[in-house]
C-alpha atoms as a PDB file:
ATOM      1  CA  UNK A   1     -19.922 -10.400  -9.746  1.00  0.00           C
ATOM      2  CA  UNK A   2     -19.174  -6.994  -8.209  1.00  0.00           C
ATOM      3  CA  UNK A   3     -18.095  -4.160 -10.475  1.00  0.00           C
ATOM      4  CA  UNK A   4     -14.925  -2.202  -9.891  1.00  0.00           C
ATOM      5  CA  UNK A   5     -14.766   1.540 -10.222  1.00  0.00           C
ATOM      6  CA  UNK A   6     -11.054   2.367  -9.891  1.00  0.00           C
ATOM      7  CA  UNK A   7      -9.827   5.919  -9.445  1.00  0.00           C
ATOM      8  CA  UNK A   8      -7.949   6.281 -12.712  1.00  0.00           C
ATOM      9  CA  UNK A   9      -5.081   8.657 -13.252  1.00  0.00           C
ATOM     10  CA  UNK A  10      -5.489  12.304 -13.929  1.00  0.00           C
ATOM     11  CA  UNK A  11      -3.228  12.706 -16.927  1.00  0.00           C
ATOM     12  CA  UNK A  12      -2.454  16.312 -16.094  1.00  0.00           C
ATOM     13  CA  UNK A  13      -0.570  15.175 -13.001  1.00  0.00           C
ATOM     14  CA  UNK A  14       1.921  13.329 -15.175  1.00  0.00           C
ATOM     15  CA  UNK A  15       2.013  16.296 -17.579  1.00  0.00           C
ATOM     16  CA  UNK A  16       3.000  18.618 -14.733  1.00  0.00           C
ATOM     17  CA  UNK A  17       5.659  16.220 -13.439  1.00  0.00           C
ATOM     18  CA  UNK A  18       7.161  15.646 -16.894  1.00  0.00           C
ATOM     19  CA  UNK A  19       7.050  19.323 -17.862  1.00  0.00           C
ATOM     20  CA  UNK A  20       8.916  20.286 -14.710  1.00  0.00           C
ATOM     21  CA  UNK A  21      11.499  17.580 -15.280  1.00  0.00           C
ATOM     22  CA  UNK A  22      12.014  18.686 -18.902  1.00  0.00           C
ATOM     23  CA  UNK A  23      12.396  22.276 -17.714  1.00  0.00           C
ATOM     24  CA  UNK A  24      15.139  21.195 -15.297  1.00  0.00           C
ATOM     25  CA  UNK A  25      16.927  19.327 -18.082  1.00  0.00           C
ATOM     26  CA  UNK A  26      16.714  22.302 -20.446  1.00  0.00           C
ATOM     27  CA  UNK A  27      17.911  24.781 -17.841  1.00  0.00           C
ATOM     28  CA  UNK A  28      20.806  22.695 -16.514  1.00  0.00           C
ATOM     29  CA  UNK A  29      24.245  24.190 -17.221  1.00  0.00           C
ATOM     30  CA  UNK A  30      27.422  22.139 -16.659  1.00  0.00           C
ATOM     31  CA  UNK A  31      29.222  25.098 -15.071  1.00  0.00           C
ATOM     32  CA  UNK A  32      26.424  25.676 -12.587  1.00  0.00           C
ATOM     33  CA  UNK A  33      27.373  24.733  -9.027  1.00  0.00           C
ATOM     34  CA  UNK A  34      24.187  23.279  -7.473  1.00  0.00           C
ATOM     35  CA  UNK A  35      23.365  23.555  -3.797  1.00  0.00           C
ATOM     36  CA  UNK A  36      22.314  19.913  -3.680  1.00  0.00           C
ATOM     37  CA  UNK A  37      24.573  16.874  -3.510  1.00  0.00           C
ATOM     38  CA  UNK A  38      25.768  15.097  -6.690  1.00  0.00           C
ATOM     39  CA  UNK A  39      23.465  12.185  -5.842  1.00  0.00           C
ATOM     40  CA  UNK A  40      20.559  14.607  -5.624  1.00  0.00           C
ATOM     41  CA  UNK A  41      21.274  16.050  -9.061  1.00  0.00           C
ATOM     42  CA  UNK A  42      21.760  12.595 -10.587  1.00  0.00           C
ATOM     43  CA  UNK A  43      18.403  11.449  -9.221  1.00  0.00           C
ATOM     44  CA  UNK A  44      16.642  14.488 -10.607  1.00  0.00           C
ATOM     45  CA  UNK A  45      18.225  14.430 -14.058  1.00  0.00           C
ATOM     46  CA  UNK A  46      18.410  10.763 -15.040  1.00  0.00           C
ATOM     47  CA  UNK A  47      15.732   8.300 -15.969  1.00  0.00           C
ATOM     48  CA  UNK A  48      15.712   4.776 -17.292  1.00  0.00           C
ATOM     49  CA  UNK A  49      14.643   4.811 -20.941  1.00  0.00           C
ATOM     50  CA  UNK A  50      13.054   1.347 -20.805  1.00  0.00           C
ATOM     51  CA  UNK A  51      14.255   0.397 -24.279  1.00  0.00           C
ATOM     52  CA  UNK A  52      13.731  -3.313 -23.583  1.00  0.00           C
ATOM     53  CA  UNK A  53      10.207  -3.036 -22.188  1.00  0.00           C
ATOM     54  CA  UNK A  54       7.093  -2.591 -24.279  1.00  0.00           C
ATOM     55  CA  UNK A  55       3.727  -3.334 -22.700  1.00  0.00           C
ATOM     56  CA  UNK A  56       0.068  -3.796 -23.605  1.00  0.00           C
ATOM     57  CA  UNK A  57      -1.505  -1.354 -21.173  1.00  0.00           C
ATOM     58  CA  UNK A  58      -2.557   1.772 -23.057  1.00  0.00           C
ATOM     59  CA  UNK A  59      -1.005   4.405 -20.806  1.00  0.00           C
ATOM     60  CA  UNK A  60      -0.603   8.081 -21.555  1.00  0.00           C
ATOM     61  CA  UNK A  61       2.884   9.172 -22.562  1.00  0.00           C
ATOM     62  CA  UNK A  62       3.831  10.476 -19.137  1.00  0.00           C
ATOM     63  CA  UNK A  63       2.241   7.608 -17.215  1.00  0.00           C
ATOM     64  CA  UNK A  64       4.117   5.263 -19.535  1.00  0.00           C
ATOM     65  CA  UNK A  65       7.409   6.973 -18.686  1.00  0.00           C
ATOM     66  CA  UNK A  66       6.585   6.642 -14.987  1.00  0.00           C
ATOM     67  CA  UNK A  67       5.896   2.901 -15.380  1.00  0.00           C
ATOM     68  CA  UNK A  68       9.075   2.363 -17.394  1.00  0.00           C
ATOM     69  CA  UNK A  69      11.205   4.184 -14.825  1.00  0.00           C
ATOM     70  CA  UNK A  70       9.698   2.149 -11.980  1.00  0.00           C
ATOM     71  CA  UNK A  71       9.415  -1.348 -13.464  1.00  0.00           C
ATOM     72  CA  UNK A  72      12.079  -1.770 -16.138  1.00  0.00           C
ATOM     73  CA  UNK A  73      14.564  -3.178 -13.638  1.00  0.00           C
ATOM     74  CA  UNK A  74      12.109  -5.917 -12.674  1.00  0.00           C
ATOM     75  CA  UNK A  75      11.509  -6.645 -16.346  1.00  0.00           C
ATOM     76  CA  UNK A  76      15.246  -6.999 -16.972  1.00  0.00           C
ATOM     77  CA  UNK A  77      15.388  -9.440 -14.036  1.00  0.00           C
ATOM     78  CA  UNK A  78      12.618 -11.477 -15.736  1.00  0.00           C
ATOM     79  CA  UNK A  79       9.989 -11.046 -13.076  1.00  0.00           C
ATOM     80  CA  UNK A  80       7.258 -10.213 -15.599  1.00  0.00           C
ATOM     81  CA  UNK A  81       6.652 -10.057 -19.350  1.00  0.00           C
ATOM     82  CA  UNK A  82       3.901  -7.464 -19.755  1.00  0.00           C
ATOM     83  CA  UNK A  83       1.908  -4.753 -17.967  1.00  0.00           C
ATOM     84  CA  UNK A  84      -1.746  -5.535 -18.656  1.00  0.00           C
ATOM     85  CA  UNK A  85      -3.928  -3.002 -16.855  1.00  0.00           C
ATOM     86  CA  UNK A  86      -4.212  -0.607 -13.949  1.00  0.00           C
ATOM     87  CA  UNK A  87      -5.994  -2.184 -10.975  1.00  0.00           C
ATOM     88  CA  UNK A  88      -6.127   0.721  -8.584  1.00  0.00           C
ATOM     89  CA  UNK A  89      -5.216   4.384  -8.817  1.00  0.00           C
ATOM     90  CA  UNK A  90      -4.554   6.392  -5.683  1.00  0.00           C
ATOM     91  CA  UNK A  91      -2.956   9.518  -4.255  1.00  0.00           C
ATOM     92  CA  UNK A  92       0.073   7.676  -2.908  1.00  0.00           C
ATOM     93  CA  UNK A  93       0.467   4.778  -5.334  1.00  0.00           C
ATOM     94  CA  UNK A  94      -1.160   2.835  -8.148  1.00  0.00           C
ATOM     95  CA  UNK A  95      -1.281  -0.907  -8.716  1.00  0.00           C
ATOM     96  CA  UNK A  96      -0.923  -2.693 -12.059  1.00  0.00           C
ATOM     97  CA  UNK A  97      -1.598  -6.264 -13.145  1.00  0.00           C
ATOM     98  CA  UNK A  98       1.426  -7.817 -14.851  1.00  0.00           C
ATOM     99  CA  UNK A  99       1.759 -11.140 -16.639  1.00  0.00           C
ATOM    100  CA  UNK A 100       4.472 -13.084 -14.864  1.00  0.00           C
ATOM    101  CA  UNK A 101       7.548 -14.526 -16.459  1.00  0.00           C
ATOM    102  CA  UNK A 102       7.381 -18.337 -16.664  1.00  0.00           C
ATOM    103  CA  UNK A 103      10.295 -18.616 -14.231  1.00  0.00           C
ATOM    104  CA  UNK A 104       8.190 -17.209 -11.361  1.00  0.00           C
ATOM    105  CA  UNK A 105       5.737 -20.119 -11.282  1.00  0.00           C
ATOM    106  CA  UNK A 106       2.695 -17.845 -11.187  1.00  0.00           C
ATOM    107  CA  UNK A 107       0.442 -16.343 -13.861  1.00  0.00           C
ATOM    108  CA  UNK A 108       0.234 -12.749 -12.651  1.00  0.00           C
ATOM    109  CA  UNK A 109       1.914 -10.260 -10.365  1.00  0.00           C
ATOM    110  CA  UNK A 110       0.704  -7.010  -8.863  1.00  0.00           C
ATOM    111  CA  UNK A 111       3.088  -4.073  -9.231  1.00  0.00           C
ATOM    112  CA  UNK A 112       2.558  -1.271  -6.734  1.00  0.00           C
ATOM    113  CA  UNK A 113       4.190   1.903  -8.044  1.00  0.00           C
ATOM    114  CA  UNK A 114       4.482   4.910  -5.779  1.00  0.00           C
ATOM    115  CA  UNK A 115       3.621   8.324  -7.100  1.00  0.00           C
ATOM    116  CA  UNK A 116       6.338  10.910  -7.745  1.00  0.00           C
ATOM    117  CA  UNK A 117       7.176  12.035  -4.241  1.00  0.00           C
ATOM    118  CA  UNK A 118       6.182  15.682  -4.750  1.00  0.00           C
ATOM    119  CA  UNK A 119       2.633  14.470  -5.507  1.00  0.00           C
ATOM    120  CA  UNK A 120       2.337  12.114  -2.521  1.00  0.00           C
ATOM    121  CA  UNK A 121      -0.477  13.441  -0.367  1.00  0.00           C
ATOM    122  CA  UNK A 122      -0.902  11.089   2.558  1.00  0.00           C
ATOM    123  CA  UNK A 123      -2.814  13.097   5.112  1.00  0.00           C
ATOM    124  CA  UNK A 124      -0.928  13.729   8.345  1.00  0.00           C
ATOM    125  CA  UNK A 125       1.958  11.459   7.374  1.00  0.00           C
ATOM    126  CA  UNK A 126       3.938  12.847  10.337  1.00  0.00           C
ATOM    127  CA  UNK A 127       1.453  11.013  12.555  1.00  0.00           C
ATOM    128  CA  UNK A 128       2.770   7.706  11.200  1.00  0.00           C
ATOM    129  CA  UNK A 129       6.444   8.680  10.908  1.00  0.00           C
ATOM    130  CA  UNK A 130       6.682   9.426  14.632  1.00  0.00           C
ATOM    131  CA  UNK A 131       8.948   6.915  16.334  1.00  0.00           C
ATOM    132  CA  UNK A 132       9.708   4.978  13.130  1.00  0.00           C
ATOM    133  CA  UNK A 133      13.327   4.289  12.249  1.00  0.00           C
ATOM    134  CA  UNK A 134      14.447   5.628   8.892  1.00  0.00           C
ATOM    135  CA  UNK A 135      15.395   2.890   6.442  1.00  0.00           C
ATOM    136  CA  UNK A 136      17.716   2.991   3.448  1.00  0.00           C
ATOM    137  CA  UNK A 137      17.263   1.276   0.085  1.00  0.00           C
ATOM    138  CA  UNK A 138      18.633  -1.996   1.552  1.00  0.00           C
ATOM    139  CA  UNK A 139      16.164  -1.930   4.439  1.00  0.00           C
ATOM    140  CA  UNK A 140      18.805  -0.990   7.031  1.00  0.00           C
ATOM    141  CA  UNK A 141      18.434   1.744   9.625  1.00  0.00           C
ATOM    142  CA  UNK A 142      19.975   5.030   8.521  1.00  0.00           C
ATOM    143  CA  UNK A 143      22.658   6.206  10.944  1.00  0.00           C
ATOM    144  CA  UNK A 144      24.459   8.723   8.720  1.00  0.00           C
ATOM    145  CA  UNK A 145      24.112  12.213  10.179  1.00  0.00           C
ATOM    146  CA  UNK A 146      24.205  13.935   6.803  1.00  0.00           C
ATOM    147  CA  UNK A 147      21.344  11.800   5.539  1.00  0.00           C
ATOM    148  CA  UNK A 148      19.286  12.592   8.643  1.00  0.00           C
ATOM    149  CA  UNK A 149      19.996  16.292   8.150  1.00  0.00           C
ATOM    150  CA  UNK A 150      18.816  16.066   4.527  1.00  0.00           C
ATOM    151  CA  UNK A 151      15.598  14.377   5.635  1.00  0.00           C
ATOM    152  CA  UNK A 152      14.981  16.875   8.426  1.00  0.00           C
ATOM    153  CA  UNK A 153      15.544  19.817   6.097  1.00  0.00           C
ATOM    154  CA  UNK A 154      13.419  18.104   3.427  1.00  0.00           C
ATOM    155  CA  UNK A 155      15.862  18.871   0.644  1.00  0.00           C
ATOM    156  CA  UNK A 156      15.331  17.146  -2.690  1.00  0.00           C
ATOM    157  CA  UNK A 157      17.784  14.453  -1.624  1.00  0.00           C
ATOM    158  CA  UNK A 158      16.143  14.222   1.798  1.00  0.00           C
ATOM    159  CA  UNK A 159      12.686  13.800   0.276  1.00  0.00           C
ATOM    160  CA  UNK A 160      14.004  10.937  -1.837  1.00  0.00           C
ATOM    161  CA  UNK A 161      15.420   9.292   1.289  1.00  0.00           C
ATOM    162  CA  UNK A 162      12.066   9.689   3.065  1.00  0.00           C
ATOM    163  CA  UNK A 163      10.312   8.278   0.011  1.00  0.00           C
ATOM    164  CA  UNK A 164      12.614   5.243   0.018  1.00  0.00           C
ATOM    165  CA  UNK A 165      12.102   4.707   3.741  1.00  0.00           C
ATOM    166  CA  UNK A 166       8.326   4.792   3.279  1.00  0.00           C
ATOM    167  CA  UNK A 167       8.519   2.016   0.654  1.00  0.00           C
ATOM    168  CA  UNK A 168      10.891  -0.058   2.794  1.00  0.00           C
ATOM    169  CA  UNK A 169       8.501   0.089   5.747  1.00  0.00           C
ATOM    170  CA  UNK A 170       5.672  -1.320   3.644  1.00  0.00           C
ATOM    171  CA  UNK A 171       7.866  -4.043   2.167  1.00  0.00           C
ATOM    172  CA  UNK A 172       9.157  -5.120   5.589  1.00  0.00           C
ATOM    173  CA  UNK A 173       5.659  -5.098   7.064  1.00  0.00           C
ATOM    174  CA  UNK A 174       4.469  -7.399   4.277  1.00  0.00           C
ATOM    175  CA  UNK A 175       7.434  -9.729   4.788  1.00  0.00           C
ATOM    176  CA  UNK A 176       6.929  -9.957   8.548  1.00  0.00           C
ATOM    177  CA  UNK A 177       3.166 -10.410   8.415  1.00  0.00           C
ATOM    178  CA  UNK A 178       3.256 -12.910   5.548  1.00  0.00           C
ATOM    179  CA  UNK A 179       5.784 -15.022   7.464  1.00  0.00           C
ATOM    180  CA  UNK A 180       3.519 -14.815  10.540  1.00  0.00           C
ATOM    181  CA  UNK A 181       0.557 -16.238   8.600  1.00  0.00           C
ATOM    182  CA  UNK A 182      -1.474 -13.071   8.112  1.00  0.00           C
ATOM    183  CA  UNK A 183      -3.763 -12.715   5.107  1.00  0.00           C
ATOM    184  CA  UNK A 184      -1.532 -10.336   3.127  1.00  0.00           C
ATOM    185  CA  UNK A 185      -0.144 -10.538  -0.417  1.00  0.00           C
ATOM    186  CA  UNK A 186       3.115 -12.433  -0.804  1.00  0.00           C
ATOM    187  CA  UNK A 187       5.846  -9.798  -1.259  1.00  0.00           C
ATOM    188  CA  UNK A 188       8.345 -10.811  -3.941  1.00  0.00           C
ATOM    189  CA  UNK A 189      10.775  -7.964  -4.516  1.00  0.00           C
ATOM    190  CA  UNK A 190      11.045  -4.213  -4.092  1.00  0.00           C
ATOM    191  CA  UNK A 191      12.861  -1.501  -5.999  1.00  0.00           C
ATOM    192  CA  UNK A 192      13.471   2.223  -5.756  1.00  0.00           C
ATOM    193  CA  UNK A 193       9.859   3.119  -6.491  1.00  0.00           C
ATOM    194  CA  UNK A 194       7.820  -0.094  -6.604  1.00  0.00           C
ATOM    195  CA  UNK A 195       6.986  -3.407  -4.936  1.00  0.00           C
ATOM    196  CA  UNK A 196       6.087  -6.602  -6.795  1.00  0.00           C
ATOM    197  CA  UNK A 197       3.657  -8.765  -4.873  1.00  0.00           C
ATOM    198  CA  UNK A 198       1.065 -11.496  -5.236  1.00  0.00           C
ATOM    199  CA  UNK A 199      -1.863 -10.709  -7.508  1.00  0.00           C
ATOM    200  CA  UNK A 200      -5.303 -11.401  -6.017  1.00  0.00           C
ATOM    201  CA  UNK A 201      -8.148 -12.129  -8.433  1.00  0.00           C
ATOM    202  CA  UNK A 202      -8.880 -13.806 -11.760  1.00  0.00           C
ATOM    203  CA  UNK A 203      -7.246 -13.326 -15.166  1.00  0.00           C
ATOM    204  CA  UNK A 204      -9.688 -10.590 -16.198  1.00  0.00           C
ATOM    205  CA  UNK A 205     -11.189  -9.558 -12.866  1.00  0.00           C
ATOM    206  CA  UNK A 206      -9.131  -8.346  -9.897  1.00  0.00           C
ATOM    207  CA  UNK A 207     -10.411  -8.957  -6.405  1.00  0.00           C
ATOM    208  CA  UNK A 208     -12.737  -6.138  -5.327  1.00  0.00           C
ATOM    209  CA  UNK A 209     -12.397  -4.389  -1.993  1.00  0.00           C
ATOM    210  CA  UNK A 210     -14.789  -5.416   0.754  1.00  0.00           C
ATOM    211  CA  UNK A 211     -16.552  -2.057   0.848  1.00  0.00           C
ATOM    212  CA  UNK A 212     -18.193  -3.036  -2.473  1.00  0.00           C
ATOM    213  CA  UNK A 213     -19.354  -6.435  -1.148  1.00  0.00           C
ATOM    214  CA  UNK A 214     -22.553  -7.348   0.688  1.00  0.00           C
ATOM    215  CA  UNK A 215     -22.111 -10.477   2.817  1.00  0.00           C
ATOM    216  CA  UNK A 216     -24.582 -13.073   4.001  1.00  0.00           C
ATOM    217  CA  UNK A 217     -25.030 -13.590   7.748  1.00  0.00           C
ATOM    218  CA  UNK A 218     -22.843 -16.643   8.371  1.00  0.00           C
ATOM    219  CA  UNK A 219     -20.101 -15.468   6.013  1.00  0.00           C
ATOM    220  CA  UNK A 220     -20.141 -11.985   7.534  1.00  0.00           C
ATOM    221  CA  UNK A 221     -19.595 -13.352  11.030  1.00  0.00           C
ATOM    222  CA  UNK A 222     -16.860 -15.714   9.831  1.00  0.00           C
ATOM    223  CA  UNK A 223     -14.973 -12.987   7.954  1.00  0.00           C
ATOM    224  CA  UNK A 224     -15.368 -10.570  10.858  1.00  0.00           C
ATOM    225  CA  UNK A 225     -13.587 -13.066  13.086  1.00  0.00           C
ATOM    226  CA  UNK A 226     -10.984 -13.567  10.359  1.00  0.00           C
ATOM    227  CA  UNK A 227     -10.217  -9.864  10.165  1.00  0.00           C
ATOM    228  CA  UNK A 228      -9.948  -9.609  13.952  1.00  0.00           C
ATOM    229  CA  UNK A 229      -7.575 -12.572  13.867  1.00  0.00           C
ATOM    230  CA  UNK A 230      -5.399 -10.698  11.395  1.00  0.00           C
ATOM    231  CA  UNK A 231      -5.412  -7.619  13.607  1.00  0.00           C
ATOM    232  CA  UNK A 232      -4.198  -9.827  16.465  1.00  0.00           C
ATOM    233  CA  UNK A 233      -1.433 -11.277  14.269  1.00  0.00           C
ATOM    234  CA  UNK A 234      -0.340  -7.749  13.411  1.00  0.00           C
ATOM    235  CA  UNK A 235      -0.314  -6.717  17.058  1.00  0.00           C
ATOM    236  CA  UNK A 236       1.611  -9.858  18.030  1.00  0.00           C
ATOM    237  CA  UNK A 237       4.234  -8.808  15.476  1.00  0.00           C
ATOM    238  CA  UNK A 238       4.388  -5.191  16.666  1.00  0.00           C
ATOM    239  CA  UNK A 239       2.438  -3.766  13.760  1.00  0.00           C
ATOM    240  CA  UNK A 240      -0.651  -1.575  13.573  1.00  0.00           C
ATOM    241  CA  UNK A 241      -2.025  -1.151  10.065  1.00  0.00           C
ATOM    242  CA  UNK A 242      -2.830   2.523  10.586  1.00  0.00           C
ATOM    243  CA  UNK A 243      -5.426   2.873   7.826  1.00  0.00           C
ATOM    244  CA  UNK A 244      -7.438  -0.334   8.049  1.00  0.00           C
ATOM    245  CA  UNK A 245     -10.972  -0.365   6.684  1.00  0.00           C
ATOM    246  CA  UNK A 246     -13.111  -2.298   4.213  1.00  0.00           C
ATOM    247  CA  UNK A 247     -11.416  -0.234   1.477  1.00  0.00           C
ATOM    248  CA  UNK A 248      -8.082  -1.910   2.277  1.00  0.00           C
ATOM    249  CA  UNK A 249      -9.274  -5.510   2.346  1.00  0.00           C
ATOM    250  CA  UNK A 250      -9.663  -7.526  -0.855  1.00  0.00           C
ATOM    251  CA  UNK A 251     -12.361 -10.205  -1.174  1.00  0.00           C
ATOM    252  CA  UNK A 252     -12.013 -13.138  -3.552  1.00  0.00           C
ATOM    253  CA  UNK A 253     -13.803 -16.521  -3.488  1.00  0.00           C
ATOM    254  CA  UNK A 254     -14.688 -16.175   0.172  1.00  0.00           C
ATOM    255  CA  UNK A 255     -11.163 -15.228   1.227  1.00  0.00           C
ATOM    256  CA  UNK A 256      -9.767 -11.888   2.396  1.00  0.00           C
ATOM    257  CA  UNK A 257      -6.436 -10.151   1.832  1.00  0.00           C
ATOM    258  CA  UNK A 258      -5.313  -7.083   3.764  1.00  0.00           C
ATOM    259  CA  UNK A 259      -3.390  -4.532   1.696  1.00  0.00           C
ATOM    260  CA  UNK A 260      -1.679  -1.110   1.880  1.00  0.00           C
ATOM    261  CA  UNK A 261       0.819  -1.022   4.751  1.00  0.00           C
ATOM    262  CA  UNK A 262       3.112   1.998   4.133  1.00  0.00           C
ATOM    263  CA  UNK A 263       1.817   3.804   7.220  1.00  0.00           C
ATOM    264  CA  UNK A 264       2.039   0.766   9.560  1.00  0.00           C
ATOM    265  CA  UNK A 265       3.406   1.724  12.980  1.00  0.00           C
ATOM    266  CA  UNK A 266       4.915   0.024  16.040  1.00  0.00           C
ATOM    267  CA  UNK A 267       2.567  -0.014  19.064  1.00  0.00           C
ATOM    268  CA  UNK A 268       5.334   1.048  21.462  1.00  0.00           C
ATOM    269  CA  UNK A 269       6.981   3.764  19.369  1.00  0.00           C
ATOM    270  CA  UNK A 270       4.177   6.196  18.640  1.00  0.00           C
ATOM    271  CA  UNK A 271       2.333   8.331  21.183  1.00  0.00           C
ATOM    272  CA  UNK A 272      -0.898   7.946  19.219  1.00  0.00           C
ATOM    273  CA  UNK A 273      -0.590   4.190  18.711  1.00  0.00           C
ATOM    274  CA  UNK A 274      -3.681   3.163  20.668  1.00  0.00           C
ATOM    275  CA  UNK A 275      -5.794   5.910  19.157  1.00  0.00           C
ATOM    276  CA  UNK A 276      -4.769   4.752  15.655  1.00  0.00           C
ATOM    277  CA  UNK A 277      -5.323   1.103  16.598  1.00  0.00           C
ATOM    278  CA  UNK A 278      -8.770   1.815  18.030  1.00  0.00           C
ATOM    279  CA  UNK A 279      -9.679   3.705  14.859  1.00  0.00           C
ATOM    280  CA  UNK A 280      -8.689   0.669  12.739  1.00  0.00           C
ATOM    281  CA  UNK A 281     -10.829  -1.647  14.857  1.00  0.00           C
ATOM    282  CA  UNK A 282     -13.756   0.795  14.821  1.00  0.00           C
ATOM    283  CA  UNK A 283     -13.755   1.095  11.031  1.00  0.00           C
ATOM    284  CA  UNK A 284     -13.808  -2.683  10.673  1.00  0.00           C
ATOM    285  CA  UNK A 285     -16.637  -3.029  13.195  1.00  0.00           C
ATOM    286  CA  UNK A 286     -18.638  -0.318  11.428  1.00  0.00           C
ATOM    287  CA  UNK A 287     -18.417  -2.151   8.112  1.00  0.00           C
ATOM    288  CA  UNK A 288     -19.483  -5.486   9.613  1.00  0.00           C
ATOM    289  CA  UNK A 289     -22.246  -3.769  11.571  1.00  0.00           C
ATOM    290  CA  UNK A 290     -23.732  -2.872   8.181  1.00  0.00           C
ATOM    291  CA  UNK A 291     -23.449  -6.576   7.299  1.00  0.00           C
ATOM    292  CA  UNK A 292     -25.476  -7.521  10.378  1.00  0.00           C
ATOM    293  CA  UNK A 293     -22.630  -8.316  12.797  1.00  0.00           C
ATOM    294  CA  UNK A 294     -22.953  -6.370  16.007  1.00  0.00           C
ATOM    295  CA  UNK A 295     -19.937  -5.654  18.186  1.00  0.00           C
ATOM    296  CA  UNK A 296     -18.402  -3.254  20.670  1.00  0.00           C
ATOM    297  CA  UNK A 297     -15.336  -1.785  18.919  1.00  0.00           C
ATOM    298  CA  UNK A 298     -14.002   0.124  21.936  1.00  0.00           C
ATOM    299  CA  UNK A 299     -14.087  -2.993  24.098  1.00  0.00           C
ATOM    300  CA  UNK A 300     -12.573  -5.172  21.365  1.00  0.00           C
ATOM    301  CA  UNK A 301      -9.739  -2.697  20.849  1.00  0.00           C
ATOM    302  CA  UNK A 302      -9.050  -2.287  24.569  1.00  0.00           C
ATOM    303  CA  UNK A 303      -9.127  -6.043  25.223  1.00  0.00           C
ATOM    304  CA  UNK A 304      -6.737  -6.788  22.353  1.00  0.00           C
ATOM    305  CA  UNK A 305      -4.409  -3.978  23.333  1.00  0.00           C
ATOM    306  CA  UNK A 306      -4.097  -5.026  26.956  1.00  0.00           C
ATOM    307  CA  UNK A 307      -3.854  -8.727  26.028  1.00  0.00           C
ATOM    308  CA  UNK A 308      -0.510  -7.892  24.417  1.00  0.00           C
ATOM    309  CA  UNK A 309       0.616  -5.970  27.509  1.00  0.00           C
ATOM    310  CA  UNK A 310       0.184  -2.496  26.044  1.00  0.00           C
ATOM    311  CA  UNK A 311      -1.019   0.284  28.308  1.00  0.00           C
ATOM    312  CA  UNK A 312      -4.260   2.071  27.506  1.00  0.00           C
ATOM    313  CA  UNK A 313      -2.837   5.192  29.159  1.00  0.00           C
ATOM    314  CA  UNK A 314       0.856   5.453  28.195  1.00  0.00           C
ATOM    315  CA  UNK A 315       3.179   7.270  30.560  1.00  0.00           C
ATOM    316  CA  UNK A 316       4.066  10.592  28.967  1.00  0.00           C
ATOM    317  CA  UNK A 317       5.513  13.424  31.034  1.00  0.00           C
ATOM    318  CA  UNK A 318       3.468  16.618  30.492  1.00  0.00           C
ATOM    319  CA  UNK A 319       6.693  18.487  29.818  1.00  0.00           C
ATOM    320  CA  UNK A 320       7.163  16.492  26.619  1.00  0.00           C
ATOM    321  CA  UNK A 321       3.888  17.759  25.204  1.00  0.00           C
ATOM    322  CA  UNK A 322       3.567  20.978  23.221  1.00  0.00           C
ATOM    323  CA  UNK A 323       0.512  22.999  24.252  1.00  0.00           C
ATOM    324  CA  UNK A 324       0.603  24.677  20.833  1.00  0.00           C
ATOM    325  CA  UNK A 325       0.361  21.363  18.982  1.00  0.00           C
ATOM    326  CA  UNK A 326      -3.165  20.160  18.289  1.00  0.00           C
ATOM    327  CA  UNK A 327      -2.200  16.469  18.270  1.00  0.00           C
ATOM    328  CA  UNK A 328      -0.412  16.834  21.620  1.00  0.00           C
ATOM    329  CA  UNK A 329      -3.445  18.528  23.142  1.00  0.00           C
ATOM    330  CA  UNK A 330      -5.766  15.789  21.902  1.00  0.00           C
ATOM    331  CA  UNK A 331      -3.378  13.253  23.400  1.00  0.00           C
ATOM    332  CA  UNK A 332      -3.351  15.057  26.760  1.00  0.00           C
ATOM    333  CA  UNK A 333      -7.136  15.353  26.824  1.00  0.00           C
ATOM    334  CA  UNK A 334      -7.456  11.656  26.143  1.00  0.00           C
ATOM    335  CA  UNK A 335      -4.694  10.163  28.254  1.00  0.00           C
ATOM    336  CA  UNK A 336      -3.186  12.756  30.534  1.00  0.00           C
ATOM    337  CA  UNK A 337      -6.099  14.509  32.199  1.00  0.00           C
ATOM    338  CA  UNK A 338      -6.755  12.810  35.558  1.00  0.00           C
ATOM    339  CA  UNK A 339     -10.222  14.326  35.762  1.00  0.00           C
ATOM    340  CA  UNK A 340     -11.444  12.273  32.780  1.00  0.00           C
END
């Protein structure tokens, strides 16, 4: 049985977040006229106390507060009875195993809780935001000009809106792909800072990621084809994972589950879509190459892409590109230079 080595929390991160929040509370004066909106101030200065939720997981004080703030609403709605352990710690989010409430019909749930937004550190997140509609807490497209201005200016309120939109994109991607038959966790419900989804694994052992698994020949070939089939399902439903690798695929009892979709993009709404798609395919092929399955990732990616009527060389007018932007120059060198 493979051993897990999760990236556990650095407690000082929660210390810093809590200390700053306490400083804001201590320094707040009722007669002070803040620059932010009332909603912005309310978000910053209120927190759910979680009086009804007590859980088994031995979290630090500040991690515990973070869990209570994120999951207490689900607890009150009787989705789960206890938080048992952390399954995965990461820069953008962490996942916890919860014991389900009897009304759910399942033994366990996985709760994905997103990090406080000022600590989110997804590299080059603008690369994934390009072309994506901004979604509100109900999953609807934001059309309010003031909200767009807040997001563009990255005010405290705007950052919260961006944070919410990021979560909504992952939740919708899971819903769409699960309905299409992809090997993804069943999404159950989402909140302001968390998603409850299907737990993959046993009572005391979560499913490991594929990067920690060595496969036999026949199984490696079979699972390689299975992953490619999932990539095709995603493409058929206008989704590119955006960060697909063996680190984002769970393995349990011979089955696979693709996870982590917050950065998923639409193939027709991002200038770098094919480059990102090809990178996903290449990472998968590299892993299975180490398992003895040989392939041609560039050909696989190109064949899939064109099979769904996407152009390998999108039409972009040179005037739309910024010669001072590194990403735009890479794009031009790859797609726009007729001499290549």
